[in-house]
């Protein structure tokens, strides 16, 4: 999905809001990517953020990748199950039912969440 202006669209099980996003499914792993502020969703999974981020979602692990120059940002994921965050520079904050919100400190480029 790519648009000069912020837009909202859907096709089948996929939906996008913003200007640039992608979905990749490889077996049991789904990668949701935002190249700018927005939301991207596929089936029961979704990713929302104010900064570019890629979420690689597997059964027991989620890896968030962000650009080095990003400001502090909150990444919100709709994913089944309960999750914990490991490492420094990221804090798991309460999300709505069925969501996980992670506040990522400025400059932190990788965050790993593991299933409880």
Protein backbone atom coordinates (compact mmCIF):
# COMPACT_ATOMS: atom_id res chain seq x y z
CA UNK A 1 0.00 0.00 0.00
CA UNK A 2 1.42 3.36 -1.02
CA UNK A 3 -0.32 6.74 -1.20
CA UNK A 4 0.83 10.36 -1.47
CA UNK A 5 -1.92 11.41 0.95
CA UNK A 6 -3.15 9.59 4.02
CA UNK A 7 -5.82 7.11 2.95
CA UNK A 8 -7.84 4.24 4.33
CA UNK A 9 -8.56 1.08 2.33
CA UNK A 10 -9.08 -2.65 2.66
CA UNK A 11 -8.92 -5.72 0.46
CA UNK A 12 -10.00 -9.12 1.73
CA UNK A 13 -8.45 -9.72 5.16
CA UNK A 14 -6.02 -6.78 4.82
CA UNK A 15 -6.60 -3.15 5.76
CA UNK A 16 -4.41 -0.05 5.72
CA UNK A 17 -4.61 3.49 7.03
CA UNK A 18 -1.84 6.00 6.35
CA UNK A 19 0.55 6.45 3.45
CA UNK A 20 2.89 3.42 3.31
CA UNK A 21 2.53 -0.12 4.65
CA UNK A 22 3.06 -3.76 3.72
CA UNK A 23 2.04 -7.26 4.79
CA UNK A 24 4.15 -10.38 4.27
CA UNK A 25 3.04 -13.87 5.24
CA UNK A 26 5.59 -16.68 5.24
CA UNK A 27 4.16 -19.84 6.79
CA UNK A 28 3.42 -19.17 10.47
CA UNK A 29 5.23 -15.80 10.43
CA UNK A 30 3.57 -12.50 9.52
CA UNK A 31 5.47 -9.25 9.01
CA UNK A 32 3.46 -6.03 9.29
CA UNK A 33 5.40 -2.94 8.23
CA UNK A 34 4.64 0.78 8.41
CA UNK A 35 6.99 3.08 6.50
CA UNK A 36 5.21 6.10 8.02
CA UNK A 37 2.59 6.79 10.70
CA UNK A 38 -0.47 4.61 10.29
CA UNK A 39 -2.15 1.26 10.82
CA UNK A 40 -1.88 -2.03 8.96
CA UNK A 41 -3.89 -5.19 9.68
CA UNK A 42 -4.15 -8.73 8.39
CA UNK A 43 -6.74 -11.14 9.74
CA UNK A 44 -6.69 -10.80 13.55
CA UNK A 45 -3.28 -9.08 13.67
CA UNK A 46 -2.69 -5.34 13.49
CA UNK A 47 0.07 -2.78 13.97
CA UNK A 48 -0.33 0.95 14.67
CA UNK A 49 2.40 3.53 15.29
CA UNK A 50 3.38 7.18 14.77
CA UNK A 51 6.86 6.20 13.49
CA UNK A 52 8.07 3.67 10.91
CA UNK A 53 8.20 0.16 12.39
CA UNK A 54 8.23 -3.47 11.30
CA UNK A 55 6.63 -6.17 13.48
CA UNK A 56 7.61 -9.76 12.71
CA UNK A 57 4.99 -11.86 14.46
CA UNK A 58 5.47 -15.57 15.17
CA UNK A 59 3.63 -17.87 17.60
CA UNK A 60 5.79 -17.13 20.66
CA UNK A 61 7.89 -14.12 19.62
CA UNK A 62 7.36 -10.65 18.18
CA UNK A 63 10.32 -8.61 16.99
CA UNK A 64 9.87 -4.87 16.48
CA UNK A 65 12.41 -3.05 14.31
CA UNK A 66 12.58 0.74 14.20
CA UNK A 67 14.86 3.27 12.51
CA UNK A 68 17.70 4.60 14.68
CA UNK A 69 16.53 8.22 14.45
CA UNK A 70 12.93 7.67 15.67
CA UNK A 71 11.56 9.70 18.59
CA UNK A 72 10.01 7.98 21.61
CA UNK A 73 6.96 6.24 20.19
CA UNK A 74 4.19 3.87 21.19
CA UNK A 75 3.62 0.80 19.06
CA UNK A 76 0.23 -0.87 19.43
CA UNK A 77 -0.32 -4.46 18.33
CA UNK A 78 -3.48 -6.53 18.18
CA UNK A 79 -2.19 -10.04 18.80
CA UNK A 80 -3.68 -13.01 20.66
CA UNK A 81 -2.24 -14.02 24.01
CA UNK A 82 -0.23 -12.37 26.77
CA UNK A 83 3.25 -10.95 26.12
CA UNK A 84 6.30 -9.69 27.99
CA UNK A 85 9.00 -7.34 26.71
CA UNK A 86 12.70 -8.06 27.19
CA UNK A 87 15.70 -5.77 27.16
CA UNK A 88 16.02 -2.09 27.96
CA UNK A 89 14.46 0.92 26.29
CA UNK A 90 10.96 -0.48 25.91
CA UNK A 91 8.04 -0.62 28.32
CA UNK A 92 4.90 -2.69 28.01
CA UNK A 93 1.89 -0.51 28.80
CA UNK A 94 -1.71 -1.56 29.30
CA UNK A 95 -3.60 -1.84 26.05
CA UNK A 96 -7.24 -2.44 25.36
CA UNK A 97 -8.42 -6.05 25.50
CA UNK A 98 -6.62 -8.03 22.82
CA UNK A 99 -3.92 -5.40 22.28
CA UNK A 100 -0.37 -4.85 23.47
CA UNK A 101 1.11 -1.36 23.60
CA UNK A 102 4.87 -0.88 23.82
CA UNK A 103 6.51 2.48 24.47
CA UNK A 104 9.90 2.48 22.76
CA UNK A 105 12.54 4.98 23.88
CA UNK A 106 14.16 7.30 21.37
CA UNK A 107 16.87 5.56 19.36
CA UNK A 108 16.04 1.97 20.44
CA UNK A 109 16.02 -0.03 17.21
CA UNK A 110 14.98 -3.55 18.27
CA UNK A 111 12.44 -4.80 20.80
CA UNK A 112 11.55 -8.43 21.45
CA UNK A 113 8.28 -9.58 22.98
CA UNK A 114 7.82 -13.17 24.11
CA UNK A 115 4.62 -15.04 24.82
CA UNK A 116 3.87 -15.71 28.50
